[in-house]
PDB file of all heavy atoms in Angstrom:
ATOM      1  N   ARG A   1     -66.270 163.033 133.655  1.00  0.00           N
ATOM      2  CA  ARG A   1     -65.023 163.483 133.036  1.00  0.00           C
ATOM      3  C   ARG A   1     -63.833 163.135 133.912  1.00  0.00           C
ATOM      4  O   ARG A   1     -63.976 163.420 135.198  1.00  0.00           O
ATOM      5  CB  ARG A   1     -64.988 164.953 132.705  1.00  0.00           C
ATOM      6  CG  ARG A   1     -63.769 165.484 131.819  1.00  0.00           C
ATOM      7  CD  ARG A   1     -63.702 166.906 131.862  1.00  0.00           C
ATOM      8  NE  ARG A   1     -64.934 167.616 131.427  1.00  0.00           N
ATOM      9  CZ  ARG A   1     -65.162 167.980 130.173  1.00  0.00           C
ATOM     10  NH1 ARG A   1     -64.291 167.748 129.242  1.00  0.00           N
ATOM     11  NH2 ARG A   1     -66.309 168.616 129.967  1.00  0.00           N
ATOM     12  N   ASN A   2     -62.760 162.548 133.531  1.00  0.00           N
ATOM     13  CA  ASN A   2     -61.669 162.156 134.246  1.00  0.00           C
ATOM     14  C   ASN A   2     -60.803 163.464 134.611  1.00  0.00           C
ATOM     15  O   ASN A   2     -60.211 164.008 133.617  1.00  0.00           O
ATOM     16  CB  ASN A   2     -60.823 161.152 133.553  1.00  0.00           C
ATOM     17  CG  ASN A   2     -59.791 160.410 134.407  1.00  0.00           C
ATOM     18  OD1 ASN A   2     -59.482 160.929 135.450  1.00  0.00           O
ATOM     19  ND2 ASN A   2     -59.271 159.331 133.955  1.00  0.00           N
ATOM     20  N   ARG A   3     -60.721 163.844 135.795  1.00  0.00           N
ATOM     21  CA  ARG A   3     -59.897 164.856 136.244  1.00  0.00           C
ATOM     22  C   ARG A   3     -58.701 164.517 137.067  1.00  0.00           C
ATOM     23  O   ARG A   3     -58.042 165.337 137.810  1.00  0.00           O
ATOM     24  CB  ARG A   3     -60.733 165.890 137.120  1.00  0.00           C
ATOM     25  CG  ARG A   3     -61.907 166.519 136.378  1.00  0.00           C
ATOM     26  CD  ARG A   3     -61.418 167.423 135.239  1.00  0.00           C
ATOM     27  NE  ARG A   3     -62.513 168.310 134.746  1.00  0.00           N
ATOM     28  CZ  ARG A   3     -62.398 169.096 133.828  1.00  0.00           C
ATOM     29  NH1 ARG A   3     -61.249 169.228 133.085  1.00  0.00           N
ATOM     30  NH2 ARG A   3     -63.401 169.950 133.473  1.00  0.00           N
ATOM     31  N   SER A   4     -58.337 163.282 136.968  1.00  0.00           N
ATOM     32  CA  SER A   4     -57.194 162.669 137.810  1.00  0.00           C
ATOM     33  C   SER A   4     -55.918 163.344 137.315  1.00  0.00           C
ATOM     34  O   SER A   4     -55.681 163.688 136.122  1.00  0.00           O
ATOM     35  CB  SER A   4     -57.107 161.174 137.599  1.00  0.00           C
ATOM     36  OG  SER A   4     -58.312 160.534 137.856  1.00  0.00           O
ATOM     37  N   THR A   5     -54.971 163.397 138.196  1.00  0.00           N
ATOM     38  CA  THR A   5     -53.591 163.784 137.842  1.00  0.00           C
ATOM     39  C   THR A   5     -52.753 162.592 137.600  1.00  0.00           C
ATOM     40  O   THR A   5     -53.060 161.550 138.167  1.00  0.00           O
ATOM     41  CB  THR A   5     -53.013 164.693 139.019  1.00  0.00           C
ATOM     42  OG1 THR A   5     -52.987 163.875 140.221  1.00  0.00           O
ATOM     43  CG2 THR A   5     -53.735 165.917 139.292  1.00  0.00           C
ATOM     44  N   ALA A   6     -51.871 162.740 136.720  1.00  0.00           N
ATOM     45  CA  ALA A   6     -50.966 161.631 136.363  1.00  0.00           C
ATOM     46  C   ALA A   6     -50.261 161.102 137.559  1.00  0.00           C
ATOM     47  O   ALA A   6     -49.492 161.808 138.257  1.00  0.00           O
ATOM     48  CB  ALA A   6     -49.934 162.033 135.269  1.00  0.00           C
ATOM     49  N   GLY A   7     -50.496 159.852 137.874  1.00  0.00           N
ATOM     50  CA  GLY A   7     -49.876 159.168 139.002  1.00  0.00           C
ATOM     51  C   GLY A   7     -50.483 159.512 140.257  1.00  0.00           C
ATOM     52  O   GLY A   7     -50.027 159.041 141.355  1.00  0.00           O
ATOM     53  N   GLY A   8     -51.566 160.268 140.350  1.00  0.00           N
ATOM     54  CA  GLY A   8     -52.146 160.740 141.572  1.00  0.00           C
ATOM     55  C   GLY A   8     -53.488 160.073 141.890  1.00  0.00           C
ATOM     56  O   GLY A   8     -53.923 159.209 141.202  1.00  0.00           O
ATOM     57  N   ALA A   9     -54.159 160.670 142.802  1.00  0.00           N
ATOM     58  CA  ALA A   9     -55.491 160.262 143.202  1.00  0.00           C
ATOM     59  C   ALA A   9     -56.490 160.297 142.083  1.00  0.00           C
ATOM     60  O   ALA A   9     -56.373 161.249 141.203  1.00  0.00           O
ATOM     61  CB  ALA A   9     -56.030 160.955 144.400  1.00  0.00           C
ATOM     62  N   LEU A  10     -57.531 159.525 142.015  1.00  0.00           N
ATOM     63  CA  LEU A  10     -58.525 159.525 141.011  1.00  0.00           C
ATOM     64  C   LEU A  10     -59.526 160.489 141.344  1.00  0.00           C
ATOM     65  O   LEU A  10     -60.031 160.634 142.496  1.00  0.00           O
ATOM     66  CB  LEU A  10     -59.083 158.132 140.860  1.00  0.00           C
ATOM     67  CG  LEU A  10     -58.187 156.900 140.605  1.00  0.00           C
ATOM     68  CD1 LEU A  10     -58.980 155.574 140.447  1.00  0.00           C
ATOM     69  CD2 LEU A  10     -57.303 157.191 139.422  1.00  0.00           C
ATOM     70  N   ARG A  11     -59.957 161.216 140.330  1.00  0.00           N
ATOM     71  CA  ARG A  11     -61.032 162.303 140.508  1.00  0.00           C
ATOM     72  C   ARG A  11     -61.844 162.463 139.241  1.00  0.00           C
ATOM     73  O   ARG A  11     -61.276 162.473 138.181  1.00  0.00           O
ATOM     74  CB  ARG A  11     -60.354 163.622 140.869  1.00  0.00           C
ATOM     75  CG  ARG A  11     -61.358 164.761 141.211  1.00  0.00           C
ATOM     76  CD  ARG A  11     -60.730 165.848 141.945  1.00  0.00           C
ATOM     77  NE  ARG A  11     -59.803 166.585 141.028  1.00  0.00           N
ATOM     78  CZ  ARG A  11     -60.259 167.574 140.195  1.00  0.00           C
ATOM     79  NH1 ARG A  11     -61.479 167.921 140.203  1.00  0.00           N
ATOM     80  NH2 ARG A  11     -59.355 168.256 139.422  1.00  0.00           N
ATOM     81  N   PHE A  12     -63.161 162.570 139.435  1.00  0.00           N
ATOM     82  CA  PHE A  12     -64.072 162.642 138.267  1.00  0.00           C
ATOM     83  C   PHE A  12     -65.048 163.788 138.617  1.00  0.00           C
ATOM     84  O   PHE A  12     -65.501 163.955 139.656  1.00  0.00           O
ATOM     85  CB  PHE A  12     -64.806 161.341 138.051  1.00  0.00           C
ATOM     86  CG  PHE A  12     -63.915 160.247 137.572  1.00  0.00           C
ATOM     87  CD1 PHE A  12     -63.173 159.557 138.353  1.00  0.00           C
ATOM     88  CD2 PHE A  12     -63.930 159.963 136.130  1.00  0.00           C
ATOM     89  CE1 PHE A  12     -62.333 158.422 137.874  1.00  0.00           C
ATOM     90  CE2 PHE A  12     -63.075 158.948 135.649  1.00  0.00           C
ATOM     91  CZ  PHE A  12     -62.264 158.213 136.507  1.00  0.00           C
ATOM     92  N   ASP A  13     -65.497 164.461 137.485  1.00  0.00           N
ATOM     93  CA  ASP A  13     -66.563 165.438 137.563  1.00  0.00           C
ATOM     94  C   ASP A  13     -67.722 164.965 136.613  1.00  0.00           C
ATOM     95  O   ASP A  13     -67.446 164.606 135.482  1.00  0.00           O
ATOM     96  CB  ASP A  13     -66.134 166.871 137.161  1.00  0.00           C
ATOM     97  CG  ASP A  13     -65.169 167.441 138.179  1.00  0.00           C
ATOM     98  OD1 ASP A  13     -65.158 167.044 139.378  1.00  0.00           O
ATOM     99  OD2 ASP A  13     -64.387 168.347 137.736  1.00  0.00           O
ATOM    100  N   GLU A  14     -68.982 165.089 137.060  1.00  0.00           N
ATOM    101  CA  GLU A  14     -70.074 164.717 136.109  1.00  0.00           C
ATOM    102  C   GLU A  14     -70.162 165.763 135.049  1.00  0.00           C
ATOM    103  O   GLU A  14     -70.034 166.955 135.254  1.00  0.00           O
ATOM    104  CB  GLU A  14     -71.382 164.605 136.929  1.00  0.00           C
ATOM    105  CG  GLU A  14     -72.509 164.094 136.035  1.00  0.00           C
ATOM    106  CD  GLU A  14     -73.868 163.897 136.827  1.00  0.00           C
ATOM    107  OE1 GLU A  14     -73.824 163.984 138.094  1.00  0.00           O
ATOM    108  OE2 GLU A  14     -74.796 163.579 136.162  1.00  0.00           O
ATOM    109  N   VAL A  15     -70.517 165.298 133.868  1.00  0.00           N
ATOM    110  CA  VAL A  15     -70.691 166.114 132.678  1.00  0.00           C
ATOM    111  C   VAL A  15     -72.135 166.110 132.320  1.00  0.00           C
ATOM    112  O   VAL A  15     -72.699 165.021 131.993  1.00  0.00           O
ATOM    113  CB  VAL A  15     -69.815 165.653 131.463  1.00  0.00           C
ATOM    114  CG1 VAL A  15     -70.039 166.567 130.327  1.00  0.00           C
ATOM    115  CG2 VAL A  15     -68.366 165.647 131.867  1.00  0.00           C
ATOM    116  N   PRO A  16     -72.908 167.223 132.301  1.00  0.00           N
ATOM    117  CA  PRO A  16     -74.237 167.242 131.866  1.00  0.00           C
ATOM    118  C   PRO A  16     -74.296 166.755 130.387  1.00  0.00           C
ATOM    119  O   PRO A  16     -73.607 167.417 129.537  1.00  0.00           O
ATOM    120  CB  PRO A  16     -74.760 168.678 132.095  1.00  0.00           C
ATOM    121  CG  PRO A  16     -73.830 169.151 133.057  1.00  0.00           C
ATOM    122  CD  PRO A  16     -72.491 168.530 132.840  1.00  0.00           C
ATOM    123  N   LEU A  17     -75.122 165.871 130.018  1.00  0.00           N
ATOM    124  CA  LEU A  17     -75.235 165.430 128.603  1.00  0.00           C
ATOM    125  C   LEU A  17     -76.153 166.191 127.799  1.00  0.00           C
ATOM    126  O   LEU A  17     -76.020 166.161 126.526  1.00  0.00           O
ATOM    127  CB  LEU A  17     -75.534 163.908 128.616  1.00  0.00           C
ATOM    128  CG  LEU A  17     -74.412 162.948 128.985  1.00  0.00           C
ATOM    129  CD1 LEU A  17     -74.952 161.556 129.296  1.00  0.00           C
ATOM    130  CD2 LEU A  17     -73.386 162.909 127.860  1.00  0.00           C
ATOM    131  N   GLY A  18     -77.110 166.858 128.404  1.00  0.00           N
ATOM    132  CA  GLY A  18     -77.984 167.693 127.601  1.00  0.00           C
ATOM    133  C   GLY A  18     -78.955 166.885 126.726  1.00  0.00           C
ATOM    134  O   GLY A  18     -79.384 167.423 125.652  1.00  0.00           O
ATOM    135  N   LEU A  19     -79.157 165.642 127.000  1.00  0.00           N
ATOM    136  CA  LEU A  19     -80.142 164.798 126.260  1.00  0.00           C
ATOM    137  C   LEU A  19     -81.464 164.701 126.887  1.00  0.00           C
ATOM    138  O   LEU A  19     -81.674 165.106 128.002  1.00  0.00           O
ATOM    139  CB  LEU A  19     -79.503 163.371 126.089  1.00  0.00           C
ATOM    140  CG  LEU A  19     -78.091 163.291 125.447  1.00  0.00           C
ATOM    141  CD1 LEU A  19     -77.592 161.913 125.634  1.00  0.00           C
ATOM    142  CD2 LEU A  19     -78.217 163.618 123.930  1.00  0.00           C
ATOM    143  N   ASP A  20     -82.436 164.252 126.075  1.00  0.00           N
ATOM    144  CA  ASP A  20     -83.713 163.923 126.683  1.00  0.00           C
ATOM    145  C   ASP A  20     -83.564 162.976 127.898  1.00  0.00           C
ATOM    146  O   ASP A  20     -82.942 161.927 127.661  1.00  0.00           O
ATOM    147  CB  ASP A  20     -84.659 163.411 125.565  1.00  0.00           C
ATOM    148  CG  ASP A  20     -86.135 163.220 126.022  1.00  0.00           C
ATOM    149  OD1 ASP A  20     -86.282 162.945 127.227  1.00  0.00           O
ATOM    150  OD2 ASP A  20     -87.012 163.326 125.228  1.00  0.00           O
ATOM    151  N   PRO A  21     -84.110 163.364 128.963  1.00  0.00           N
ATOM    152  CA  PRO A  21     -83.961 162.463 130.185  1.00  0.00           C
ATOM    153  C   PRO A  21     -84.411 161.022 129.929  1.00  0.00           C
ATOM    154  O   PRO A  21     -83.887 159.998 130.481  1.00  0.00           O
ATOM    155  CB  PRO A  21     -84.813 163.143 131.298  1.00  0.00           C
ATOM    156  CG  PRO A  21     -84.763 164.564 130.937  1.00  0.00           C
ATOM    157  CD  PRO A  21     -84.802 164.655 129.393  1.00  0.00           C
ATOM    158  N   ASP A  22     -85.448 160.845 129.046  1.00  0.00           N
ATOM    159  CA  ASP A  22     -86.046 159.504 128.755  1.00  0.00           C
ATOM    160  C   ASP A  22     -84.877 158.706 128.012  1.00  0.00           C
ATOM    161  O   ASP A  22     -84.979 157.471 128.203  1.00  0.00           O
ATOM    162  CB  ASP A  22     -87.173 159.606 127.886  1.00  0.00           C
ATOM    163  CG  ASP A  22     -88.426 160.180 128.660  1.00  0.00           C
ATOM    164  OD1 ASP A  22     -88.402 160.151 129.875  1.00  0.00           O
ATOM    165  OD2 ASP A  22     -89.362 160.536 127.977  1.00  0.00           O
ATOM    166  N   ASP A  23     -83.950 159.307 127.280  1.00  0.00           N
ATOM    167  CA  ASP A  23     -82.953 158.602 126.604  1.00  0.00           C
ATOM    168  C   ASP A  23     -81.903 158.013 127.450  1.00  0.00           C
ATOM    169  O   ASP A  23     -81.174 157.060 127.186  1.00  0.00           O
ATOM    170  CB  ASP A  23     -82.311 159.464 125.532  1.00  0.00           C
ATOM    171  CG  ASP A  23     -83.305 159.794 124.400  1.00  0.00           C
ATOM    172  OD1 ASP A  23     -84.165 158.956 124.143  1.00  0.00           O
ATOM    173  OD2 ASP A  23     -83.059 160.758 123.684  1.00  0.00           O
ATOM    174  N   LEU A  24     -81.786 158.565 128.693  1.00  0.00           N
ATOM    175  CA  LEU A  24     -80.775 158.119 129.662  1.00  0.00           C
ATOM    176  C   LEU A  24     -81.454 157.186 130.689  1.00  0.00           C
ATOM    177  O   LEU A  24     -80.737 156.788 131.622  1.00  0.00           O
ATOM    178  CB  LEU A  24     -80.196 159.281 130.400  1.00  0.00           C
ATOM    179  CG  LEU A  24     -79.338 160.300 129.380  1.00  0.00           C
ATOM    180  CD1 LEU A  24     -78.803 161.484 130.227  1.00  0.00           C
ATOM    181  CD2 LEU A  24     -78.243 159.464 128.788  1.00  0.00           C
ATOM    182  N   ASP A  25     -82.644 156.930 130.553  1.00  0.00           N
ATOM    183  CA  ASP A  25     -83.394 155.988 131.454  1.00  0.00           C
ATOM    184  C   ASP A  25     -83.299 154.598 130.781  1.00  0.00           C
ATOM    185  O   ASP A  25     -83.201 154.440 129.577  1.00  0.00           O
ATOM    186  CB  ASP A  25     -84.878 156.376 131.572  1.00  0.00           C
ATOM    187  CG  ASP A  25     -85.650 155.582 132.581  1.00  0.00           C
ATOM    188  OD1 ASP A  25     -85.020 155.042 133.463  1.00  0.00           O
ATOM    189  OD2 ASP A  25     -86.860 155.466 132.460  1.00  0.00           O
ATOM    190  N   LYS A  26     -83.418 153.631 131.669  1.00  0.00           N
ATOM    191  CA  LYS A  26     -83.494 152.215 131.210  1.00  0.00           C
ATOM    192  C   LYS A  26     -82.162 151.769 130.400  1.00  0.00           C
ATOM    193  O   LYS A  26     -82.255 150.930 129.527  1.00  0.00           O
ATOM    194  CB  LYS A  26     -84.709 151.934 130.344  1.00  0.00           C
ATOM    195  CG  LYS A  26     -86.020 152.266 130.985  1.00  0.00           C
ATOM    196  CD  LYS A  26     -87.144 151.900 130.218  1.00  0.00           C
ATOM    197  CE  LYS A  26     -88.512 152.171 130.890  1.00  0.00           C
ATOM    198  NZ  LYS A  26     -89.685 151.905 130.045  1.00  0.00           N
ATOM    199  N   VAL A  27     -81.070 152.339 130.790  1.00  0.00           N
ATOM    200  CA  VAL A  27     -79.828 152.010 130.090  1.00  0.00           C
ATOM    201  C   VAL A  27     -79.219 150.915 130.876  1.00  0.00           C
ATOM    202  O   VAL A  27     -79.003 150.892 132.101  1.00  0.00           O
ATOM    203  CB  VAL A  27     -78.819 153.186 129.981  1.00  0.00           C
ATOM    204  CG1 VAL A  27     -77.525 152.719 129.472  1.00  0.00           C
ATOM    205  CG2 VAL A  27     -79.388 154.332 129.300  1.00  0.00           C
ATOM    206  N   LEU A  28     -78.895 149.758 130.157  1.00  0.00           N
ATOM    207  CA  LEU A  28     -78.304 148.565 130.755  1.00  0.00           C
ATOM    208  C   LEU A  28     -76.788 148.465 130.556  1.00  0.00           C
ATOM    209  O   LEU A  28     -76.076 147.816 131.389  1.00  0.00           O
ATOM    210  CB  LEU A  28     -78.948 147.255 130.209  1.00  0.00           C
ATOM    211  CG  LEU A  28     -80.328 146.916 130.692  1.00  0.00           C
ATOM    212  CD1 LEU A  28     -81.425 147.753 129.881  1.00  0.00           C
ATOM    213  CD2 LEU A  28     -80.545 145.460 130.535  1.00  0.00           C
ATOM    214  N   GLY A  29     -76.270 148.992 129.457  1.00  0.00           N
ATOM    215  CA  GLY A  29     -74.872 148.942 129.164  1.00  0.00           C
ATOM    216  C   GLY A  29     -74.470 149.932 128.135  1.00  0.00           C
ATOM    217  O   GLY A  29     -75.253 150.548 127.521  1.00  0.00           O
ATOM    218  N   ALA A  30     -73.139 149.949 127.872  1.00  0.00           N
ATOM    219  CA  ALA A  30     -72.585 150.956 126.908  1.00  0.00           C
ATOM    220  C   ALA A  30     -71.222 150.510 126.356  1.00  0.00           C
ATOM    221  O   ALA A  30     -70.476 149.936 127.129  1.00  0.00           O
ATOM    222  CB  ALA A  30     -72.587 152.397 127.535  1.00  0.00           C
ATOM    223  N   TYR A  31     -71.026 150.848 125.123  1.00  0.00           N
ATOM    224  CA  TYR A  31     -69.773 150.526 124.441  1.00  0.00           C
ATOM    225  C   TYR A  31     -69.241 151.722 123.666  1.00  0.00           C
ATOM    226  O   TYR A  31     -70.061 152.279 122.973  1.00  0.00           O
ATOM    227  CB  TYR A  31     -69.787 149.282 123.574  1.00  0.00           C
ATOM    228  CG  TYR A  31     -69.995 148.038 124.269  1.00  0.00           C
ATOM    229  CD1 TYR A  31     -71.209 147.575 124.736  1.00  0.00           C
ATOM    230  CD2 TYR A  31     -68.807 147.154 124.555  1.00  0.00           C
ATOM    231  CE1 TYR A  31     -71.411 146.414 125.384  1.00  0.00           C
ATOM    232  CE2 TYR A  31     -68.939 146.003 125.229  1.00  0.00           C
ATOM    233  CZ  TYR A  31     -70.130 145.584 125.675  1.00  0.00           C
ATOM    234  OH  TYR A  31     -70.359 144.407 126.392  1.00  0.00           O
ATOM    235  N   PRO A  32     -68.033 152.097 123.728  1.00  0.00           N
ATOM    236  CA  PRO A  32     -67.448 153.149 122.898  1.00  0.00           C
ATOM    237  C   PRO A  32     -67.090 152.695 121.489  1.00  0.00           C
ATOM    238  O   PRO A  32     -66.484 151.575 121.453  1.00  0.00           O
ATOM    239  CB  PRO A  32     -66.198 153.681 123.714  1.00  0.00           C
ATOM    240  CG  PRO A  32     -65.788 152.453 124.428  1.00  0.00           C
ATOM    241  CD  PRO A  32     -67.062 151.570 124.738  1.00  0.00           C
ATOM    242  N   LEU A  33     -67.329 153.418 120.501  1.00  0.00           N
ATOM    243  CA  LEU A  33     -67.081 152.988 119.127  1.00  0.00           C
ATOM    244  C   LEU A  33     -67.167 154.259 118.281  1.00  0.00           C
ATOM    245  O   LEU A  33     -68.211 154.938 118.384  1.00  0.00           O
ATOM    246  CB  LEU A  33     -67.993 151.916 118.701  1.00  0.00           C
ATOM    247  CG  LEU A  33     -68.040 151.516 117.206  1.00  0.00           C
ATOM    248  CD1 LEU A  33     -66.630 150.907 116.839  1.00  0.00           C
ATOM    249  CD2 LEU A  33     -69.159 150.581 116.863  1.00  0.00           C
ATOM    250  N   ASP A  34     -66.205 154.387 117.372  1.00  0.00           N
ATOM    251  CA  ASP A  34     -66.331 155.542 116.375  1.00  0.00           C
ATOM    252  C   ASP A  34     -67.188 155.150 115.235  1.00  0.00           C
ATOM    253  O   ASP A  34     -66.577 154.695 114.153  1.00  0.00           O
ATOM    254  CB  ASP A  34     -64.941 156.012 116.019  1.00  0.00           C
ATOM    255  CG  ASP A  34     -64.881 157.208 115.147  1.00  0.00           C
ATOM    256  OD1 ASP A  34     -65.945 157.851 114.864  1.00  0.00           O
ATOM    257  OD2 ASP A  34     -63.817 157.729 114.801  1.00  0.00           O
ATOM    258  N   VAL A  35     -68.448 155.185 115.364  1.00  0.00           N
ATOM    259  CA  VAL A  35     -69.348 154.620 114.392  1.00  0.00           C
ATOM    260  C   VAL A  35     -69.245 155.383 113.058  1.00  0.00           C
ATOM    261  O   VAL A  35     -69.166 154.698 111.988  1.00  0.00           O
ATOM    262  CB  VAL A  35     -70.847 154.682 114.846  1.00  0.00           C
ATOM    263  CG1 VAL A  35     -71.808 154.171 113.811  1.00  0.00           C
ATOM    264  CG2 VAL A  35     -70.957 153.827 116.185  1.00  0.00           C
ATOM    265  N   ASP A  36     -69.192 156.646 113.106  1.00  0.00           N
ATOM    266  CA  ASP A  36     -69.123 157.396 111.780  1.00  0.00           C
ATOM    267  C   ASP A  36     -67.682 157.698 111.368  1.00  0.00           C
ATOM    268  O   ASP A  36     -67.420 158.420 110.374  1.00  0.00           O
ATOM    269  CB  ASP A  36     -69.917 158.774 111.927  1.00  0.00           C
ATOM    270  CG  ASP A  36     -69.439 159.650 113.125  1.00  0.00           C
ATOM    271  OD1 ASP A  36     -68.556 159.186 113.812  1.00  0.00           O
ATOM    272  OD2 ASP A  36     -69.931 160.780 113.231  1.00  0.00           O
ATOM    273  N   ASP A  37     -66.669 157.184 112.126  1.00  0.00           N
ATOM    274  CA  ASP A  37     -65.287 157.161 111.766  1.00  0.00           C
ATOM    275  C   ASP A  37     -64.802 158.665 111.458  1.00  0.00           C
ATOM    276  O   ASP A  37     -64.042 158.878 110.524  1.00  0.00           O
ATOM    277  CB  ASP A  37     -65.115 156.390 110.437  1.00  0.00           C
ATOM    278  CG  ASP A  37     -63.700 155.715 110.372  1.00  0.00           C
ATOM    279  OD1 ASP A  37     -63.125 155.399 111.414  1.00  0.00           O
ATOM    280  OD2 ASP A  37     -63.341 155.445 109.237  1.00  0.00           O
ATOM    281  N   ASP A  38     -65.165 159.544 112.359  1.00  0.00           N
ATOM    282  CA  ASP A  38     -64.745 160.884 112.267  1.00  0.00           C
ATOM    283  C   ASP A  38     -63.625 161.282 113.285  1.00  0.00           C
ATOM    284  O   ASP A  38     -63.130 162.434 113.291  1.00  0.00           O
ATOM    285  CB  ASP A  38     -65.886 161.864 112.457  1.00  0.00           C
ATOM    286  CG  ASP A  38     -66.473 161.805 113.862  1.00  0.00           C
ATOM    287  OD1 ASP A  38     -66.117 160.974 114.606  1.00  0.00           O
ATOM    288  OD2 ASP A  38     -67.317 162.724 114.197  1.00  0.00           O
ATOM    289  N   GLY A  39     -63.111 160.252 113.979  1.00  0.00           N
ATOM    290  CA  GLY A  39     -62.087 160.481 114.913  1.00  0.00           C
ATOM    291  C   GLY A  39     -62.533 160.721 116.284  1.00  0.00           C
ATOM    292  O   GLY A  39     -61.728 160.568 117.307  1.00  0.00           O
ATOM    293  N   HIS A  40     -63.875 160.929 116.591  1.00  0.00           N
ATOM    294  CA  HIS A  40     -64.401 161.041 117.898  1.00  0.00           C
ATOM    295  C   HIS A  40     -65.154 159.787 118.251  1.00  0.00           C
ATOM    296  O   HIS A  40     -65.869 159.218 117.481  1.00  0.00           O
ATOM    297  CB  HIS A  40     -65.417 162.274 117.933  1.00  0.00           C
ATOM    298  CG  HIS A  40     -64.786 163.492 117.754  1.00  0.00           C
ATOM    299  ND1 HIS A  40     -63.978 164.101 118.665  1.00  0.00           N
ATOM    300  CD2 HIS A  40     -64.865 164.353 116.706  1.00  0.00           C
ATOM    301  CE1 HIS A  40     -63.572 165.333 118.138  1.00  0.00           C
ATOM    302  NE2 HIS A  40     -64.122 165.499 116.979  1.00  0.00           N
ATOM    303  N   GLN A  41     -64.892 159.330 119.410  1.00  0.00           N
ATOM    304  CA  GLN A  41     -65.550 158.082 119.963  1.00  0.00           C
ATOM    305  C   GLN A  41     -67.079 158.412 120.203  1.00  0.00           C
ATOM    306  O   GLN A  41     -67.370 159.423 120.851  1.00  0.00           O
ATOM    307  CB  GLN A  41     -64.957 157.606 121.254  1.00  0.00           C
ATOM    308  CG  GLN A  41     -63.539 157.062 121.039  1.00  0.00           C
ATOM    309  CD  GLN A  41     -63.540 155.649 120.354  1.00  0.00           C
ATOM    310  OE1 GLN A  41     -64.591 154.999 120.184  1.00  0.00           O
ATOM    311  NE2 GLN A  41     -62.302 155.162 120.025  1.00  0.00           N
ATOM    312  N   ASP A  42     -67.945 157.641 119.685  1.00  0.00           N
ATOM    313  CA  ASP A  42     -69.326 157.564 119.969  1.00  0.00           C
ATOM    314  C   ASP A  42     -69.700 156.669 121.039  1.00  0.00           C
ATOM    315  O   ASP A  42     -68.851 155.883 121.474  1.00  0.00           O
ATOM    316  CB  ASP A  42     -70.131 157.278 118.648  1.00  0.00           C
ATOM    317  CG  ASP A  42     -69.613 158.123 117.497  1.00  0.00           C
ATOM    318  OD1 ASP A  42     -69.527 159.349 117.637  1.00  0.00           O
ATOM    319  OD2 ASP A  42     -69.407 157.499 116.422  1.00  0.00           O
ATOM    320  N   LEU A  43     -70.948 156.643 121.453  1.00  0.00           N
ATOM    321  CA  LEU A  43     -71.404 155.690 122.551  1.00  0.00           C
ATOM    322  C   LEU A  43     -72.603 154.895 121.955  1.00  0.00           C
ATOM    323  O   LEU A  43     -73.580 155.543 121.486  1.00  0.00           O
ATOM    324  CB  LEU A  43     -71.814 156.357 123.760  1.00  0.00           C
ATOM    325  CG  LEU A  43     -70.696 156.797 124.723  1.00  0.00           C
ATOM    326  CD1 LEU A  43     -71.146 157.740 125.800  1.00  0.00           C
ATOM    327  CD2 LEU A  43     -70.085 155.583 125.385  1.00  0.00           C
ATOM    328  N   VAL A  44     -72.531 153.583 122.149  1.00  0.00           N
ATOM    329  CA  VAL A  44     -73.689 152.686 121.754  1.00  0.00           C
ATOM    330  C   VAL A  44     -74.335 152.350 123.117  1.00  0.00           C
ATOM    331  O   VAL A  44     -73.683 151.719 123.953  1.00  0.00           O
ATOM    332  CB  VAL A  44     -73.272 151.413 121.016  1.00  0.00           C
ATOM    333  CG1 VAL A  44     -74.441 150.576 120.745  1.00  0.00           C
ATOM    334  CG2 VAL A  44     -72.567 151.966 119.724  1.00  0.00           C
ATOM    335  N   LEU A  45     -75.580 152.681 123.269  1.00  0.00           N
ATOM    336  CA  LEU A  45     -76.259 152.369 124.551  1.00  0.00           C
ATOM    337  C   LEU A  45     -77.246 151.260 124.390  1.00  0.00           C
ATOM    338  O   LEU A  45     -78.097 151.203 123.500  1.00  0.00           O
ATOM    339  CB  LEU A  45     -77.080 153.656 124.982  1.00  0.00           C
ATOM    340  CG  LEU A  45     -76.357 154.968 125.182  1.00  0.00           C
ATOM    341  CD1 LEU A  45     -77.276 156.008 125.926  1.00  0.00           C
ATOM    342  CD2 LEU A  45     -75.066 154.823 125.915  1.00  0.00           C
TER     343      LEU A  45
END
């Protein structure tokens, strides 16, 4: 999660995803896309 201040130093905190660990293994890339068109960006892994 981006915790940077506007115009300031960059800062990030890790966000636990709460997914099966196997689903986060062997990931080569990712793209954001609102697949279900509900206004929230989804992730294609």
